[in-house]
C-alpha atoms as a PDB file:
ATOM      1  CA  MET A   1     -10.411   1.622 -12.330  1.00  0.00           C
ATOM      2  CA  GLU A   2      -8.122   3.423  -9.965  1.00  0.00           C
ATOM      3  CA  THR A   3      -4.458   3.747 -10.578  1.00  0.00           C
ATOM      4  CA  ILE A   4      -1.686   4.553  -8.077  1.00  0.00           C
ATOM      5  CA  ILE A   5       1.189   6.608  -9.541  1.00  0.00           C
ATOM      6  CA  ASP A   6       3.416   7.058  -6.442  1.00  0.00           C
ATOM      7  CA  VAL A   7       3.862   5.312  -3.074  1.00  0.00           C
ATOM      8  CA  LYS A   8       6.108   6.131  -0.096  1.00  0.00           C
ATOM      9  CA  PRO A   9       6.610   4.042   3.016  1.00  0.00           C
ATOM     10  CA  LEU A  10       6.150   5.844   6.286  1.00  0.00           C
ATOM     11  CA  ASP A  11       6.802   4.981   9.878  1.00  0.00           C
ATOM     12  CA  ASN A  12       4.626   2.496  11.857  1.00  0.00           C
ATOM     13  CA  TYR A  13       3.458   0.597   8.775  1.00  0.00           C
ATOM     14  CA  PHE A  14       1.725   3.508   7.115  1.00  0.00           C
ATOM     15  CA  ILE A  15       2.129   4.235   3.375  1.00  0.00           C
ATOM     16  CA  TRP A  16       1.425   7.431   1.498  1.00  0.00           C
ATOM     17  CA  VAL A  17      -0.107   6.946  -1.976  1.00  0.00           C
ATOM     18  CA  ARG A  18      -0.979   9.266  -4.828  1.00  0.00           C
ATOM     19  CA  PHE A  19      -3.649   8.203  -7.385  1.00  0.00           C
ATOM     20  CA  ALA A  20      -3.654   9.152 -11.077  1.00  0.00           C
ATOM     21  CA  ASP A  21      -6.355  11.880 -10.279  1.00  0.00           C
ATOM     22  CA  ASN A  22      -3.843  13.490  -7.848  1.00  0.00           C
ATOM     23  CA  PHE A  23      -5.846  12.425  -4.780  1.00  0.00           C
ATOM     24  CA  ASN A  24      -3.365  11.266  -2.097  1.00  0.00           C
ATOM     25  CA  ALA A  25      -3.875   9.549   1.230  1.00  0.00           C
ATOM     26  CA  THR A  26      -1.973   7.947   4.110  1.00  0.00           C
ATOM     27  CA  ILE A  27      -3.066   4.358   4.772  1.00  0.00           C
ATOM     28  CA  ASN A  28      -2.368   2.109   7.700  1.00  0.00           C
ATOM     29  CA  ILE A  29      -1.180  -1.263   6.418  1.00  0.00           C
ATOM     30  CA  ARG A  30      -0.584  -2.851   9.799  1.00  0.00           C
ATOM     31  CA  PRO A  31      -4.150  -4.336  10.147  1.00  0.00           C
ATOM     32  CA  PHE A  32      -3.435  -6.451   6.982  1.00  0.00           C
ATOM     33  CA  ILE A  33      -0.147  -7.898   8.210  1.00  0.00           C
ATOM     34  CA  THR A  34      -1.538 -10.955   9.880  1.00  0.00           C
ATOM     35  CA  THR A  35      -0.297 -14.362   8.590  1.00  0.00           C
ATOM     36  CA  GLY A  36       1.512 -15.980   5.724  1.00  0.00           C
ATOM     37  CA  ILE A  37       3.495 -13.798   3.309  1.00  0.00           C
ATOM     38  CA  SER A  38       2.212 -10.639   4.821  1.00  0.00           C
ATOM     39  CA  THR A  39       4.296 -11.202   7.983  1.00  0.00           C
ATOM     40  CA  LYS A  40       7.496 -10.445   6.011  1.00  0.00           C
ATOM     41  CA  LEU A  41       6.357  -6.792   6.071  1.00  0.00           C
ATOM     42  CA  LEU A  42       7.009  -6.737   9.827  1.00  0.00           C
ATOM     43  CA  ASP A  43      10.639  -6.403   8.804  1.00  0.00           C
ATOM     44  CA  THR A  44      10.723  -2.644   8.457  1.00  0.00           C
ATOM     45  CA  GLU A  45      13.501  -2.681   5.873  1.00  0.00           C
ATOM     46  CA  PHE A  46      11.469  -5.031   3.732  1.00  0.00           C
ATOM     47  CA  PHE A  47       8.341  -2.869   4.301  1.00  0.00           C
ATOM     48  CA  LYS A  48      10.184   0.164   2.906  1.00  0.00           C
ATOM     49  CA  GLN A  49      10.691  -1.695  -0.423  1.00  0.00           C
ATOM     50  CA  VAL A  50       6.980  -1.076  -1.456  1.00  0.00           C
ATOM     51  CA  LYS A  51       6.609  -0.162  -5.141  1.00  0.00           C
ATOM     52  CA  VAL A  52       3.803   0.663  -7.613  1.00  0.00           C
ATOM     53  CA  ASP A  53       3.208  -2.477  -9.588  1.00  0.00           C
ATOM     54  CA  GLU A  54       2.460  -2.897 -13.268  1.00  0.00           C
ATOM     55  CA  PHE A  55      -1.267  -2.951 -12.474  1.00  0.00           C
ATOM     56  CA  GLY A  56      -1.384   0.435 -10.822  1.00  0.00           C
ATOM     57  CA  GLY A  57      -1.482  -1.142  -7.277  1.00  0.00           C
ATOM     58  CA  ILE A  58       1.263  -1.548  -4.768  1.00  0.00           C
ATOM     59  CA  GLY A  59       3.251  -4.511  -3.819  1.00  0.00           C
ATOM     60  CA  TRP A  60       6.428  -6.064  -2.416  1.00  0.00           C
ATOM     61  CA  GLU A  61       8.793  -8.584  -3.922  1.00  0.00           C
ATOM     62  CA  ASN A  62       7.408 -11.405  -1.983  1.00  0.00           C
ATOM     63  CA  GLY A  63       4.073 -11.094  -3.871  1.00  0.00           C
ATOM     64  CA  PHE A  64       2.078  -9.332  -1.174  1.00  0.00           C
ATOM     65  CA  ASP A  65       0.069  -6.592  -2.897  1.00  0.00           C
ATOM     66  CA  PHE A  66      -2.975  -4.316  -2.719  1.00  0.00           C
ATOM     67  CA  CYS A  67      -5.356  -3.422  -5.538  1.00  0.00           C
ATOM     68  CA  PRO A  68      -5.723   0.266  -6.173  1.00  0.00           C
ATOM     69  CA  ASN A  69      -9.502   0.101  -5.977  1.00  0.00           C
ATOM     70  CA  PHE A  70      -9.241  -1.553  -2.517  1.00  0.00           C
ATOM     71  CA  LEU A  71      -6.883   1.205  -1.335  1.00  0.00           C
ATOM     72  CA  ARG A  72      -9.122   3.973  -2.635  1.00  0.00           C
ATOM     73  CA  GLU A  73     -12.055   2.356  -0.809  1.00  0.00           C
ATOM     74  CA  LEU A  74     -10.043   2.358   2.402  1.00  0.00           C
ATOM     75  CA  THR A  75      -9.495   6.052   2.012  1.00  0.00           C
ATOM     76  CA  SER A  76     -13.184   6.771   1.595  1.00  0.00           C
ATOM     77  CA  GLN A  77     -14.018   4.692   4.777  1.00  0.00           C
ATOM     78  CA  SER A  78     -11.689   6.801   6.884  1.00  0.00           C
ATOM     79  CA  ASN A  79     -13.345  10.142   5.860  1.00  0.00           C
END
């Protein structure tokens, strides 16, 4: 199982993540902000509050989150 150890919000709904194996990537989150609780992320100040969660993924206080395995898979698709 993958684990994220650091996350930083970037401009235009991108995030930078570092995995436990020191692999890092920049990921576009915008395609996943569509309906429901994800739309809160359109507030850029709220988007900037992203944190690594207790499961090694990332999330926001409203409960919207991403599994670290899913994020790692996204990085392999963009290569």
